[in-house]
Amino acid sequence: MSEAIFRGESGRLHRFSVHGPHEQFAVKPAVYCFARPGPGGRGWTPLFLSRTANLSKRLASHEQWPEAQLLGATHILIHQHDERDAREYVEADLAAALKPRMNGPFLDAELTEAAADAGVRLVWAA
């Protein structure tokens, strides 16, 4: 089994194990990532990042996997962590640093300003 290591916005390193999409996943909590090989076949490019309390159930028929495959995803990267707060931290830390394409726009001040300059109107619903 190989691994991938990503640096979060905090500077902390987060280690993931690399798995094929058809593997049997554990009934455990984890942060997971759909990824494609990086430029030149080196490393990994995260396309979608999320967390779950039950990896096996969540990945059994994930609604985002077909889109990730269209974008070149070939593997699922797993960072197992039992504590919910830790999973939330890892997800937020990496999402801010890596900005996975399928996780949508990150609404920070710079992006919001750029959207306003481009005439994009943001609509929110609760």
N, C-alpha and C. Protein backbone atom coordinates (compact mmCIF):
# COMPACT_ATOMS: atom_id res chain seq x y z
N MET A 1 0.85 -1.17 0.00
CA MET A 1 0.00 0.00 0.00
C MET A 1 0.89 1.24 0.00
N SER A 2 0.58 2.18 -0.86
CA SER A 2 1.37 3.40 -0.89
C SER A 2 0.67 4.49 -0.08
N GLU A 3 1.32 5.62 0.02
CA GLU A 3 0.73 6.71 0.80
C GLU A 3 0.94 8.04 0.11
N ALA A 4 0.13 9.00 0.53
CA ALA A 4 0.23 10.38 0.04
C ALA A 4 0.28 11.28 1.26
N ILE A 5 1.09 12.31 1.18
CA ILE A 5 1.21 13.25 2.28
C ILE A 5 0.94 14.64 1.73
N PHE A 6 0.00 15.34 2.38
CA PHE A 6 -0.36 16.69 1.97
C PHE A 6 -0.09 17.66 3.11
N ARG A 7 0.33 18.87 2.76
CA ARG A 7 0.55 19.92 3.75
C ARG A 7 -0.70 20.80 3.79
N GLY A 8 -1.26 20.96 4.97
CA GLY A 8 -2.43 21.80 5.16
C GLY A 8 -2.06 23.27 5.22
N GLU A 9 -3.08 24.09 5.28
CA GLU A 9 -2.86 25.54 5.37
C GLU A 9 -2.10 25.88 6.65
N SER A 10 -2.28 25.07 7.68
CA SER A 10 -1.61 25.29 8.96
C SER A 10 -0.12 24.97 8.90
N GLY A 11 0.29 24.26 7.84
CA GLY A 11 1.67 23.81 7.74
C GLY A 11 1.84 22.37 8.20
N ARG A 12 0.82 21.82 8.85
CA ARG A 12 0.87 20.43 9.31
C ARG A 12 0.79 19.47 8.14
N LEU A 13 1.46 18.33 8.28
CA LEU A 13 1.41 17.29 7.26
C LEU A 13 0.34 16.27 7.64
N HIS A 14 -0.42 15.82 6.64
CA HIS A 14 -1.48 14.84 6.84
C HIS A 14 -1.21 13.66 5.91
N ARG A 15 -1.13 12.48 6.50
CA ARG A 15 -0.77 11.25 5.78
C ARG A 15 -2.04 10.46 5.41
N PHE A 16 -2.12 10.07 4.13
CA PHE A 16 -3.24 9.30 3.61
C PHE A 16 -2.72 7.99 3.02
N SER A 17 -3.49 6.93 3.16
CA SER A 17 -3.19 5.67 2.47
C SER A 17 -3.93 5.71 1.13
N VAL A 18 -3.35 5.05 0.13
CA VAL A 18 -3.89 5.09 -1.24
C VAL A 18 -4.59 3.77 -1.53
N HIS A 19 -5.83 3.86 -2.03
CA HIS A 19 -6.64 2.67 -2.27
C HIS A 19 -7.30 2.73 -3.64
N GLY A 20 -7.51 1.56 -4.23
CA GLY A 20 -8.30 1.46 -5.44
C GLY A 20 -9.77 1.66 -5.10
N PRO A 21 -10.58 2.13 -6.05
CA PRO A 21 -11.97 2.45 -5.75
C PRO A 21 -12.85 1.24 -5.46
N HIS A 22 -12.42 0.04 -5.81
CA HIS A 22 -13.26 -1.14 -5.62
C HIS A 22 -12.85 -1.96 -4.40
N GLU A 23 -11.97 -1.41 -3.58
CA GLU A 23 -11.56 -2.12 -2.37
C GLU A 23 -12.70 -2.14 -1.35
N GLN A 24 -12.61 -3.04 -0.41
CA GLN A 24 -13.55 -3.09 0.70
C GLN A 24 -13.03 -2.13 1.76
N PHE A 25 -13.83 -1.14 2.12
CA PHE A 25 -13.40 -0.14 3.09
C PHE A 25 -13.92 -0.48 4.48
N ALA A 26 -13.16 -0.12 5.49
CA ALA A 26 -13.50 -0.42 6.88
C ALA A 26 -14.70 0.40 7.34
N VAL A 27 -15.40 -0.14 8.31
CA VAL A 27 -16.50 0.58 8.96
C VAL A 27 -15.85 1.44 10.04
N LYS A 28 -15.21 2.50 9.60
CA LYS A 28 -14.47 3.39 10.50
C LYS A 28 -14.64 4.82 10.05
N PRO A 29 -14.46 5.77 10.95
CA PRO A 29 -14.48 7.18 10.56
C PRO A 29 -13.18 7.56 9.85
N ALA A 30 -13.28 8.50 8.91
CA ALA A 30 -12.09 8.91 8.16
C ALA A 30 -12.34 10.19 7.40
N VAL A 31 -11.24 10.79 6.97
CA VAL A 31 -11.25 11.83 5.96
C VAL A 31 -10.85 11.12 4.68
N TYR A 32 -11.54 11.38 3.59
CA TYR A 32 -11.23 10.70 2.34
C TYR A 32 -11.14 11.70 1.20
N CYS A 33 -10.48 11.27 0.15
CA CYS A 33 -10.21 12.16 -0.98
C CYS A 33 -10.25 11.35 -2.27
N PHE A 34 -10.96 11.83 -3.26
CA PHE A 34 -10.89 11.25 -4.60
C PHE A 34 -9.76 11.97 -5.31
N ALA A 35 -8.84 11.20 -5.90
CA ALA A 35 -7.64 11.82 -6.46
C ALA A 35 -7.25 11.20 -7.79
N ARG A 36 -6.54 11.99 -8.58
CA ARG A 36 -5.94 11.50 -9.82
C ARG A 36 -4.43 11.64 -9.68
N PRO A 37 -3.70 10.91 -10.51
CA PRO A 37 -2.23 11.06 -10.46
C PRO A 37 -1.84 12.52 -10.75
N GLY A 38 -0.81 12.97 -10.09
CA GLY A 38 -0.34 14.34 -10.26
C GLY A 38 0.37 14.53 -11.59
N PRO A 39 0.79 15.75 -11.88
CA PRO A 39 1.48 16.05 -13.13
C PRO A 39 2.70 15.15 -13.33
N GLY A 40 2.82 14.59 -14.51
CA GLY A 40 3.93 13.70 -14.80
C GLY A 40 3.87 12.38 -14.06
N GLY A 41 2.69 12.06 -13.50
CA GLY A 41 2.54 10.82 -12.77
C GLY A 41 3.14 10.83 -11.38
N ARG A 42 3.54 12.01 -10.91
CA ARG A 42 4.16 12.13 -9.58
C ARG A 42 3.16 12.67 -8.59
N GLY A 43 2.99 11.99 -7.48
CA GLY A 43 2.10 12.47 -6.43
C GLY A 43 0.63 12.33 -6.82
N TRP A 44 -0.21 13.07 -6.11
CA TRP A 44 -1.65 13.00 -6.31
C TRP A 44 -2.26 14.39 -6.36
N THR A 45 -3.29 14.53 -7.19
CA THR A 45 -4.06 15.76 -7.26
C THR A 45 -5.44 15.48 -6.68
N PRO A 46 -5.75 16.05 -5.51
CA PRO A 46 -7.06 15.85 -4.90
C PRO A 46 -8.16 16.55 -5.71
N LEU A 47 -9.25 15.84 -5.95
CA LEU A 47 -10.38 16.40 -6.68
C LEU A 47 -11.57 16.65 -5.77
N PHE A 48 -11.75 15.82 -4.77
CA PHE A 48 -12.86 15.95 -3.84
C PHE A 48 -12.38 15.49 -2.47
N LEU A 49 -12.72 16.25 -1.44
CA LEU A 49 -12.27 15.96 -0.08
C LEU A 49 -13.46 16.04 0.85
N SER A 50 -13.61 15.05 1.73
CA SER A 50 -14.70 15.07 2.69
C SER A 50 -14.36 14.19 3.87
N ARG A 51 -15.30 14.06 4.80
CA ARG A 51 -15.11 13.21 5.98
C ARG A 51 -16.39 12.42 6.22
N THR A 52 -16.26 11.33 6.94
CA THR A 52 -17.41 10.49 7.24
C THR A 52 -17.20 9.74 8.55
N ALA A 53 -18.30 9.34 9.18
CA ALA A 53 -18.23 8.52 10.38
C ALA A 53 -18.19 7.04 10.03
N ASN A 54 -18.58 6.68 8.78
CA ASN A 54 -18.60 5.29 8.35
C ASN A 54 -18.10 5.21 6.91
N LEU A 55 -16.83 4.96 6.76
CA LEU A 55 -16.20 4.95 5.44
C LEU A 55 -16.81 3.90 4.52
N SER A 56 -17.06 2.72 5.03
CA SER A 56 -17.62 1.64 4.23
C SER A 56 -18.97 2.03 3.63
N LYS A 57 -19.85 2.53 4.45
CA LYS A 57 -21.19 2.91 3.99
C LYS A 57 -21.13 4.10 3.03
N ARG A 58 -20.32 5.08 3.36
CA ARG A 58 -20.26 6.30 2.54
C ARG A 58 -19.69 6.03 1.15
N LEU A 59 -18.69 5.17 1.06
CA LEU A 59 -18.05 4.94 -0.23
C LEU A 59 -18.71 3.83 -1.05
N ALA A 60 -19.70 3.14 -0.48
CA ALA A 60 -20.37 2.04 -1.19
C ALA A 60 -21.00 2.52 -2.50
N SER A 61 -21.56 3.70 -2.50
CA SER A 61 -22.14 4.26 -3.73
C SER A 61 -22.15 5.78 -3.63
N HIS A 62 -20.97 6.35 -3.65
CA HIS A 62 -20.80 7.80 -3.46
C HIS A 62 -21.26 8.54 -4.71
N GLU A 63 -22.13 9.51 -4.53
CA GLU A 63 -22.70 10.26 -5.66
C GLU A 63 -21.67 11.12 -6.40
N GLN A 64 -20.55 11.43 -5.80
CA GLN A 64 -19.53 12.27 -6.44
C GLN A 64 -18.50 11.47 -7.24
N TRP A 65 -18.43 10.15 -7.02
CA TRP A 65 -17.40 9.35 -7.67
C TRP A 65 -17.47 9.39 -9.20
N PRO A 66 -18.66 9.26 -9.83
CA PRO A 66 -18.69 9.32 -11.31
C PRO A 66 -18.11 10.63 -11.87
N GLU A 67 -18.44 11.74 -11.24
CA GLU A 67 -17.89 13.03 -11.69
C GLU A 67 -16.37 13.06 -11.48
N ALA A 68 -15.92 12.54 -10.35
CA ALA A 68 -14.48 12.51 -10.08
C ALA A 68 -13.77 11.68 -11.14
N GLN A 69 -14.36 10.56 -11.55
CA GLN A 69 -13.76 9.73 -12.59
C GLN A 69 -13.66 10.49 -13.91
N LEU A 70 -14.69 11.28 -14.24
CA LEU A 70 -14.64 12.08 -15.46
C LEU A 70 -13.49 13.08 -15.42
N LEU A 71 -13.12 13.50 -14.22
CA LEU A 71 -12.00 14.44 -14.05
C LEU A 71 -10.67 13.72 -13.89
N GLY A 72 -10.68 12.39 -14.00
CA GLY A 72 -9.43 11.63 -13.97
C GLY A 72 -9.14 10.89 -12.68
N ALA A 73 -10.07 10.88 -11.72
CA ALA A 73 -9.83 10.19 -10.46
C ALA A 73 -9.66 8.69 -10.70
N THR A 74 -8.64 8.14 -10.07
CA THR A 74 -8.36 6.71 -10.19
C THR A 74 -8.27 6.03 -8.82
N HIS A 75 -8.12 6.82 -7.76
CA HIS A 75 -7.90 6.26 -6.44
C HIS A 75 -8.64 7.05 -5.36
N ILE A 76 -8.79 6.41 -4.21
CA ILE A 76 -9.38 7.05 -3.04
C ILE A 76 -8.30 7.06 -1.97
N LEU A 77 -8.05 8.23 -1.42
CA LEU A 77 -7.04 8.40 -0.39
C LEU A 77 -7.75 8.48 0.96
N ILE A 78 -7.23 7.77 1.95
CA ILE A 78 -7.89 7.65 3.25
C ILE A 78 -6.97 8.10 4.38
N HIS A 79 -7.52 8.96 5.25
CA HIS A 79 -6.83 9.38 6.48
C HIS A 79 -7.78 8.99 7.61
N GLN A 80 -7.48 7.88 8.30
CA GLN A 80 -8.38 7.42 9.35
C GLN A 80 -8.09 8.14 10.65
N HIS A 81 -9.20 8.60 11.27
CA HIS A 81 -9.09 9.26 12.56
C HIS A 81 -10.41 9.09 13.28
N ASP A 82 -10.38 8.59 14.51
CA ASP A 82 -11.61 8.31 15.26
C ASP A 82 -12.31 9.55 15.77
N GLU A 83 -11.58 10.57 16.11
CA GLU A 83 -12.17 11.76 16.74
C GLU A 83 -12.77 12.70 15.70
N ARG A 84 -14.04 13.04 15.90
CA ARG A 84 -14.76 13.90 14.95
C ARG A 84 -14.07 15.26 14.80
N ASP A 85 -13.68 15.87 15.90
CA ASP A 85 -13.03 17.18 15.84
C ASP A 85 -11.75 17.11 15.01
N ALA A 86 -11.00 16.04 15.16
CA ALA A 86 -9.76 15.88 14.40
C ALA A 86 -10.06 15.75 12.91
N ARG A 87 -11.11 14.98 12.56
CA ARG A 87 -11.48 14.85 11.14
C ARG A 87 -11.91 16.19 10.56
N GLU A 88 -12.69 16.94 11.32
CA GLU A 88 -13.12 18.26 10.85
C GLU A 88 -11.92 19.18 10.64
N TYR A 89 -10.96 19.12 11.55
CA TYR A 89 -9.76 19.95 11.44
C TYR A 89 -8.96 19.58 10.19
N VAL A 90 -8.72 18.28 9.99
CA VAL A 90 -7.93 17.82 8.84
C VAL A 90 -8.63 18.23 7.54
N GLU A 91 -9.95 18.02 7.47
CA GLU A 91 -10.68 18.38 6.26
C GLU A 91 -10.56 19.88 5.98
N ALA A 92 -10.80 20.71 6.98
CA ALA A 92 -10.73 22.15 6.79
C ALA A 92 -9.32 22.62 6.44
N ASP A 93 -8.33 22.07 7.13
CA ASP A 93 -6.93 22.45 6.91
C ASP A 93 -6.51 22.14 5.47
N LEU A 94 -6.87 20.95 4.99
CA LEU A 94 -6.49 20.56 3.63
C LEU A 94 -7.34 21.25 2.57
N ALA A 95 -8.62 21.42 2.84
CA ALA A 95 -9.48 22.09 1.86
C ALA A 95 -8.99 23.52 1.60
N ALA A 96 -8.58 24.19 2.65
CA ALA A 96 -8.08 25.56 2.51
C ALA A 96 -6.78 25.61 1.72
N ALA A 97 -5.93 24.60 1.92
CA ALA A 97 -4.62 24.59 1.25
C ALA A 97 -4.71 24.05 -0.18
N LEU A 98 -5.47 22.98 -0.38
CA LEU A 98 -5.46 22.28 -1.67
C LEU A 98 -6.56 22.74 -2.63
N LYS A 99 -7.65 23.26 -2.08
CA LYS A 99 -8.79 23.72 -2.87
C LYS A 99 -9.21 22.70 -3.93
N PRO A 100 -9.64 21.51 -3.49
CA PRO A 100 -10.04 20.48 -4.45
C PRO A 100 -11.14 20.98 -5.39
N ARG A 101 -10.98 20.70 -6.64
CA ARG A 101 -11.86 21.21 -7.68
C ARG A 101 -13.34 20.95 -7.43
N MET A 102 -13.67 19.77 -6.95
CA MET A 102 -15.08 19.40 -6.78
C MET A 102 -15.68 19.90 -5.48
N ASN A 103 -14.90 20.50 -4.62
CA ASN A 103 -15.44 21.02 -3.37
C ASN A 103 -16.03 22.42 -3.55
N GLY A 104 -16.05 22.90 -4.78
CA GLY A 104 -16.69 24.18 -5.04
C GLY A 104 -15.82 25.36 -4.67
N PRO A 105 -16.38 26.55 -4.88
CA PRO A 105 -15.62 27.76 -4.58
C PRO A 105 -15.43 27.93 -3.07
N PHE A 106 -14.29 28.47 -2.73
CA PHE A 106 -14.00 28.76 -1.33
C PHE A 106 -14.29 30.24 -1.13
N LEU A 107 -15.27 30.52 -0.31
CA LEU A 107 -15.73 31.89 -0.16
C LEU A 107 -14.92 32.65 0.87
N ASP A 108 -13.69 32.95 0.49
CA ASP A 108 -12.90 33.81 1.33
C ASP A 108 -13.00 35.22 0.76
N ALA A 109 -12.43 36.16 1.43
CA ALA A 109 -12.57 37.56 1.02
C ALA A 109 -12.06 37.80 -0.39
N GLU A 110 -10.92 37.20 -0.74
CA GLU A 110 -10.34 37.41 -2.06
C GLU A 110 -11.24 36.85 -3.16
N LEU A 111 -11.77 35.66 -2.96
CA LEU A 111 -12.64 35.04 -3.96
C LEU A 111 -13.96 35.80 -4.07
N THR A 112 -14.54 36.22 -2.95
CA THR A 112 -15.79 36.96 -2.97
C THR A 112 -15.61 38.27 -3.72
N GLU A 113 -14.50 38.94 -3.48
CA GLU A 113 -14.21 40.19 -4.18
C GLU A 113 -14.03 39.95 -5.68
N ALA A 114 -13.33 38.90 -6.05
CA ALA A 114 -13.12 38.57 -7.46
C ALA A 114 -14.45 38.24 -8.14
N ALA A 115 -15.33 37.53 -7.44
CA ALA A 115 -16.64 37.19 -7.99
C ALA A 115 -17.46 38.46 -8.20
N ALA A 116 -17.42 39.38 -7.25
CA ALA A 116 -18.16 40.63 -7.37
C ALA A 116 -17.63 41.45 -8.54
N ASP A 117 -16.31 41.49 -8.71
CA ASP A 117 -15.71 42.22 -9.82
C ASP A 117 -16.11 41.63 -11.17
N ALA A 118 -16.34 40.32 -11.20
CA ALA A 118 -16.72 39.64 -12.44
C ALA A 118 -18.22 39.69 -12.67
N GLY A 119 -18.96 40.30 -11.76
CA GLY A 119 -20.40 40.41 -11.92
C GLY A 119 -21.16 39.16 -11.50
N VAL A 120 -20.51 38.30 -10.74
CA VAL A 120 -21.17 37.09 -10.26
C VAL A 120 -22.02 37.44 -9.05
N ARG A 121 -23.26 37.01 -9.07
CA ARG A 121 -24.15 37.27 -7.94
C ARG A 121 -24.28 35.98 -7.13
N LEU A 122 -23.90 36.03 -5.87
CA LEU A 122 -23.98 34.85 -5.01
C LEU A 122 -25.36 34.82 -4.34
N VAL A 123 -26.05 33.70 -4.48
CA VAL A 123 -27.37 33.53 -3.89
C VAL A 123 -27.28 32.43 -2.86
N TRP A 124 -27.82 32.66 -1.69
CA TRP A 124 -27.73 31.70 -0.59
C TRP A 124 -29.13 31.26 -0.18
N ALA A 125 -29.27 30.01 0.15
CA ALA A 125 -30.53 29.48 0.65
C ALA A 125 -30.23 28.65 1.89
N ALA A 126 -31.09 28.71 2.84
CA ALA A 126 -30.88 27.92 4.06
C ALA A 126 -31.88 26.79 4.14
